[in-house]
Amino acid sequence: MPHTVALLAAASKDQGPGATLRIVLLASLIGAGLLAWFLLRGYRSDDNNDAND
């Protein structure tokens, strides 16, 4: 039994936190872009939003 555990431990392909960090980084960049778009779209100078027609 100890040989099986050692074999499984050696055969596991643990890549560390690399994939998780890539997903978190990508999601945060997309979230920051959407947040910037949402906040900055109110600063457009359209004439359509004027109350004085």
PDB file of N, CA and C in Angstrom:
ATOM      1  N   MET A   1       0.804  -1.211   0.000  1.00  0.00           N
ATOM      2  CA  MET A   1       0.000   0.000   0.000  1.00  0.00           C
ATOM      3  C   MET A   1       0.852   1.283   0.000  1.00  0.00           C
ATOM      4  N   PRO A   2       1.937   1.354   0.747  1.00  0.00           N
ATOM      5  CA  PRO A   2       2.745   2.576   0.716  1.00  0.00           C
ATOM      6  C   PRO A   2       3.346   2.843  -0.662  1.00  0.00           C
ATOM      7  N   HIS A   3       3.609   1.770  -1.427  1.00  0.00           N
ATOM      8  CA  HIS A   3       4.159   1.985  -2.760  1.00  0.00           C
ATOM      9  C   HIS A   3       3.133   2.628  -3.684  1.00  0.00           C
ATOM     10  N   THR A   4       1.869   2.271  -3.509  1.00  0.00           N
ATOM     11  CA  THR A   4       0.805   2.856  -4.333  1.00  0.00           C
ATOM     12  C   THR A   4       0.657   4.340  -4.035  1.00  0.00           C
ATOM     13  N   VAL A   5       0.717   4.712  -2.769  1.00  0.00           N
ATOM     14  CA  VAL A   5       0.599   6.123  -2.397  1.00  0.00           C
ATOM     15  C   VAL A   5       1.773   6.915  -2.948  1.00  0.00           C
ATOM     16  N   ALA A   6       2.969   6.361  -2.863  1.00  0.00           N
ATOM     17  CA  ALA A   6       4.147   7.051  -3.392  1.00  0.00           C
ATOM     18  C   ALA A   6       4.069   7.179  -4.905  1.00  0.00           C
ATOM     19  N   LEU A   7       3.563   6.144  -5.573  1.00  0.00           N
ATOM     20  CA  LEU A   7       3.421   6.194  -7.031  1.00  0.00           C
ATOM     21  C   LEU A   7       2.403   7.239  -7.449  1.00  0.00           C
ATOM     22  N   LEU A   8       1.270   7.299  -6.736  1.00  0.00           N
ATOM     23  CA  LEU A   8       0.243   8.294  -7.065  1.00  0.00           C
ATOM     24  C   LEU A   8       0.733   9.710  -6.773  1.00  0.00           C
ATOM     25  N   ALA A   9       1.503   9.874  -5.706  1.00  0.00           N
ATOM     26  CA  ALA A   9       2.024  11.201  -5.376  1.00  0.00           C
ATOM     27  C   ALA A   9       3.035  11.654  -6.416  1.00  0.00           C
ATOM     28  N   ALA A  10       3.835  10.738  -6.919  1.00  0.00           N
ATOM     29  CA  ALA A  10       4.834  11.090  -7.931  1.00  0.00           C
ATOM     30  C   ALA A  10       4.184  11.343  -9.291  1.00  0.00           C
ATOM     31  N   ALA A  11       3.074  10.665  -9.550  1.00  0.00           N
ATOM     32  CA  ALA A  11       2.426  10.784 -10.852  1.00  0.00           C
ATOM     33  C   ALA A  11       1.489  11.986 -10.942  1.00  0.00           C
ATOM     34  N   SER A  12       1.170  12.600  -9.808  1.00  0.00           N
ATOM     35  CA  SER A  12       0.251  13.741  -9.862  1.00  0.00           C
ATOM     36  C   SER A  12       0.936  14.918 -10.533  1.00  0.00           C
ATOM     37  N   LYS A  13       0.212  15.586 -11.351  1.00  0.00           N
ATOM     38  CA  LYS A  13       0.775  16.716 -12.102  1.00  0.00           C
ATOM     39  C   LYS A  13       0.283  18.017 -11.502  1.00  0.00           C
ATOM     40  N   ASP A  14       0.741  18.291 -10.328  1.00  0.00           N
ATOM     41  CA  ASP A  14       0.339  19.505  -9.630  1.00  0.00           C
ATOM     42  C   ASP A  14       1.128  20.670 -10.203  1.00  0.00           C
ATOM     43  N   GLN A  15       0.448  21.583 -10.866  1.00  0.00           N
ATOM     44  CA  GLN A  15       1.099  22.713 -11.497  1.00  0.00           C
ATOM     45  C   GLN A  15       1.184  23.930 -10.594  1.00  0.00           C
ATOM     46  N   GLY A  16       0.650  23.838  -9.400  1.00  0.00           N
ATOM     47  CA  GLY A  16       0.666  24.982  -8.500  1.00  0.00           C
ATOM     48  C   GLY A  16      -0.478  25.930  -8.806  1.00  0.00           C
ATOM     49  N   PRO A  17      -0.370  27.157  -8.349  1.00  0.00           N
ATOM     50  CA  PRO A  17      -1.468  28.107  -8.501  1.00  0.00           C
ATOM     51  C   PRO A  17      -1.477  28.845  -9.841  1.00  0.00           C
ATOM     52  N   GLY A  18      -0.695  28.395 -10.803  1.00  0.00           N
ATOM     53  CA  GLY A  18      -0.571  29.130 -12.069  1.00  0.00           C
ATOM     54  C   GLY A  18      -1.884  29.298 -12.813  1.00  0.00           C
ATOM     55  N   ALA A  19      -2.645  28.232 -12.979  1.00  0.00           N
ATOM     56  CA  ALA A  19      -3.900  28.318 -13.725  1.00  0.00           C
ATOM     57  C   ALA A  19      -4.917  29.172 -12.982  1.00  0.00           C
ATOM     58  N   THR A  20      -4.974  29.020 -11.674  1.00  0.00           N
ATOM     59  CA  THR A  20      -5.920  29.812 -10.879  1.00  0.00           C
ATOM     60  C   THR A  20      -5.568  31.295 -10.944  1.00  0.00           C
ATOM     61  N   LEU A  21      -4.284  31.606 -10.847  1.00  0.00           N
ATOM     62  CA  LEU A  21      -3.875  33.011 -10.924  1.00  0.00           C
ATOM     63  C   LEU A  21      -4.157  33.608 -12.292  1.00  0.00           C
ATOM     64  N   ARG A  22      -3.995  32.809 -13.351  1.00  0.00           N
ATOM     65  CA  ARG A  22      -4.320  33.311 -14.693  1.00  0.00           C
ATOM     66  C   ARG A  22      -5.798  33.619 -14.820  1.00  0.00           C
ATOM     67  N   ILE A  23      -6.639  32.756 -14.275  1.00  0.00           N
ATOM     68  CA  ILE A  23      -8.092  32.973 -14.348  1.00  0.00           C
ATOM     69  C   ILE A  23      -8.474  34.210 -13.548  1.00  0.00           C
ATOM     70  N   VAL A  24      -7.917  34.354 -12.348  1.00  0.00           N
ATOM     71  CA  VAL A  24      -8.229  35.514 -11.509  1.00  0.00           C
ATOM     72  C   VAL A  24      -7.751  36.797 -12.174  1.00  0.00           C
ATOM     73  N   LEU A  25      -6.563  36.777 -12.767  1.00  0.00           N
ATOM     74  CA  LEU A  25      -6.041  37.963 -13.444  1.00  0.00           C
ATOM     75  C   LEU A  25      -6.901  38.334 -14.645  1.00  0.00           C
ATOM     76  N   LEU A  26      -7.286  37.356 -15.439  1.00  0.00           N
ATOM     77  CA  LEU A  26      -8.121  37.629 -16.606  1.00  0.00           C
ATOM     78  C   LEU A  26      -9.492  38.166 -16.194  1.00  0.00           C
ATOM     79  N   ALA A  27     -10.085  37.565 -15.170  1.00  0.00           N
ATOM     80  CA  ALA A  27     -11.393  38.026 -14.703  1.00  0.00           C
ATOM     81  C   ALA A  27     -11.308  39.437 -14.132  1.00  0.00           C
ATOM     82  N   SER A  28     -10.224  39.757 -13.438  1.00  0.00           N
ATOM     83  CA  SER A  28     -10.101  41.103 -12.878  1.00  0.00           C
ATOM     84  C   SER A  28      -9.879  42.140 -13.972  1.00  0.00           C
ATOM     85  N   LEU A  29      -9.143  41.783 -15.012  1.00  0.00           N
ATOM     86  CA  LEU A  29      -8.950  42.726 -16.123  1.00  0.00           C
ATOM     87  C   LEU A  29     -10.258  42.973 -16.863  1.00  0.00           C
ATOM     88  N   ILE A  30     -11.016  41.924 -17.100  1.00  0.00           N
ATOM     89  CA  ILE A  30     -12.316  42.088 -17.762  1.00  0.00           C
ATOM     90  C   ILE A  30     -13.256  42.893 -16.873  1.00  0.00           C
ATOM     91  N   GLY A  31     -13.248  42.612 -15.578  1.00  0.00           N
ATOM     92  CA  GLY A  31     -14.084  43.360 -14.645  1.00  0.00           C
ATOM     93  C   GLY A  31     -13.703  44.830 -14.582  1.00  0.00           C
ATOM     94  N   ALA A  32     -12.404  45.117 -14.589  1.00  0.00           N
ATOM     95  CA  ALA A  32     -11.955  46.517 -14.564  1.00  0.00           C
ATOM     96  C   ALA A  32     -12.366  47.242 -15.842  1.00  0.00           C
ATOM     97  N   GLY A  33     -12.278  46.546 -16.966  1.00  0.00           N
ATOM     98  CA  GLY A  33     -12.714  47.158 -18.226  1.00  0.00           C
ATOM     99  C   GLY A  33     -14.202  47.449 -18.238  1.00  0.00           C
ATOM    100  N   LEU A  34     -14.995  46.505 -17.749  1.00  0.00           N
ATOM    101  CA  LEU A  34     -16.441  46.737 -17.688  1.00  0.00           C
ATOM    102  C   LEU A  34     -16.793  47.844 -16.697  1.00  0.00           C
ATOM    103  N   LEU A  35     -16.099  47.893 -15.585  1.00  0.00           N
ATOM    104  CA  LEU A  35     -16.351  48.950 -14.605  1.00  0.00           C
ATOM    105  C   LEU A  35     -15.987  50.314 -15.174  1.00  0.00           C
ATOM    106  N   ALA A  36     -14.852  50.399 -15.870  1.00  0.00           N
ATOM    107  CA  ALA A  36     -14.457  51.665 -16.492  1.00  0.00           C
ATOM    108  C   ALA A  36     -15.466  52.088 -17.545  1.00  0.00           C
ATOM    109  N   TRP A  37     -15.933  51.133 -18.357  1.00  0.00           N
ATOM    110  CA  TRP A  37     -16.931  51.470 -19.374  1.00  0.00           C
ATOM    111  C   TRP A  37     -18.212  51.963 -18.721  1.00  0.00           C
ATOM    112  N   PHE A  38     -18.650  51.289 -17.666  1.00  0.00           N
ATOM    113  CA  PHE A  38     -19.887  51.665 -16.992  1.00  0.00           C
ATOM    114  C   PHE A  38     -19.783  53.048 -16.358  1.00  0.00           C
ATOM    115  N   LEU A  39     -18.650  53.340 -15.729  1.00  0.00           N
ATOM    116  CA  LEU A  39     -18.492  54.630 -15.062  1.00  0.00           C
ATOM    117  C   LEU A  39     -18.260  55.766 -16.055  1.00  0.00           C
ATOM    118  N   LEU A  40     -17.519  55.497 -17.124  1.00  0.00           N
ATOM    119  CA  LEU A  40     -17.170  56.564 -18.061  1.00  0.00           C
ATOM    120  C   LEU A  40     -18.254  56.838 -19.092  1.00  0.00           C
ATOM    121  N   ARG A  41     -19.221  55.947 -19.242  1.00  0.00           N
ATOM    122  CA  ARG A  41     -20.258  56.200 -20.246  1.00  0.00           C
ATOM    123  C   ARG A  41     -21.170  57.336 -19.826  1.00  0.00           C
ATOM    124  N   GLY A  42     -21.195  57.683 -18.557  1.00  0.00           N
ATOM    125  CA  GLY A  42     -21.993  58.808 -18.093  1.00  0.00           C
ATOM    126  C   GLY A  42     -21.366  60.156 -18.409  1.00  0.00           C
ATOM    127  N   TYR A  43     -20.098  60.159 -18.808  1.00  0.00           N
ATOM    128  CA  TYR A  43     -19.400  61.410 -19.089  1.00  0.00           C
ATOM    129  C   TYR A  43     -19.399  61.778 -20.563  1.00  0.00           C
ATOM    130  N   ARG A  44     -20.137  61.028 -21.365  1.00  0.00           N
ATOM    131  CA  ARG A  44     -20.229  61.388 -22.781  1.00  0.00           C
ATOM    132  C   ARG A  44     -20.974  62.705 -22.926  1.00  0.00           C
ATOM    133  N   SER A  45     -20.589  63.492 -23.894  1.00  0.00           N
ATOM    134  CA  SER A  45     -21.241  64.780 -24.117  1.00  0.00           C
ATOM    135  C   SER A  45     -22.190  64.665 -25.310  1.00  0.00           C
ATOM    136  N   ASP A  46     -23.264  63.914 -25.124  1.00  0.00           N
ATOM    137  CA  ASP A  46     -24.279  63.790 -26.162  1.00  0.00           C
ATOM    138  C   ASP A  46     -25.289  64.920 -26.025  1.00  0.00           C
ATOM    139  N   ASP A  47     -25.832  65.355 -27.146  1.00  0.00           N
ATOM    140  CA  ASP A  47     -26.893  66.349 -27.087  1.00  0.00           C
ATOM    141  C   ASP A  47     -28.247  65.687 -26.856  1.00  0.00           C
ATOM    142  N   ASN A  48     -28.305  64.372 -26.903  1.00  0.00           N
ATOM    143  CA  ASN A  48     -29.555  63.670 -26.734  1.00  0.00           C
ATOM    144  C   ASN A  48     -30.019  63.646 -25.276  1.00  0.00           C
ATOM    145  N   ASN A  49     -29.112  63.851 -24.344  1.00  0.00           N
ATOM    146  CA  ASN A  49     -29.456  63.770 -22.933  1.00  0.00           C
ATOM    147  C   ASN A  49     -29.841  65.118 -22.321  1.00  0.00           C
ATOM    148  N   ASP A  50     -29.909  66.158 -23.134  1.00  0.00           N
ATOM    149  CA  ASP A  50     -30.234  67.484 -22.603  1.00  0.00           C
ATOM    150  C   ASP A  50     -31.711  67.579 -22.251  1.00  0.00           C
ATOM    151  N   ALA A  51     -32.011  68.263 -21.162  1.00  0.00           N
ATOM    152  CA  ALA A  51     -33.396  68.438 -20.749  1.00  0.00           C
ATOM    153  C   ALA A  51     -34.050  69.600 -21.514  1.00  0.00           C
ATOM    154  N   ASN A  52     -33.232  70.500 -22.044  1.00  0.00           N
ATOM    155  CA  ASN A  52     -33.768  71.665 -22.759  1.00  0.00           C
ATOM    156  C   ASN A  52     -33.825  71.353 -24.260  1.00  0.00           C
ATOM    157  N   ASP A  53     -34.971  70.916 -24.720  1.00  0.00           N
ATOM    158  CA  ASP A  53     -35.125  70.612 -26.154  1.00  0.00           C
ATOM    159  C   ASP A  53     -35.599  71.798 -26.921  1.00  0.00           C
TER     160      ASP A  53
END
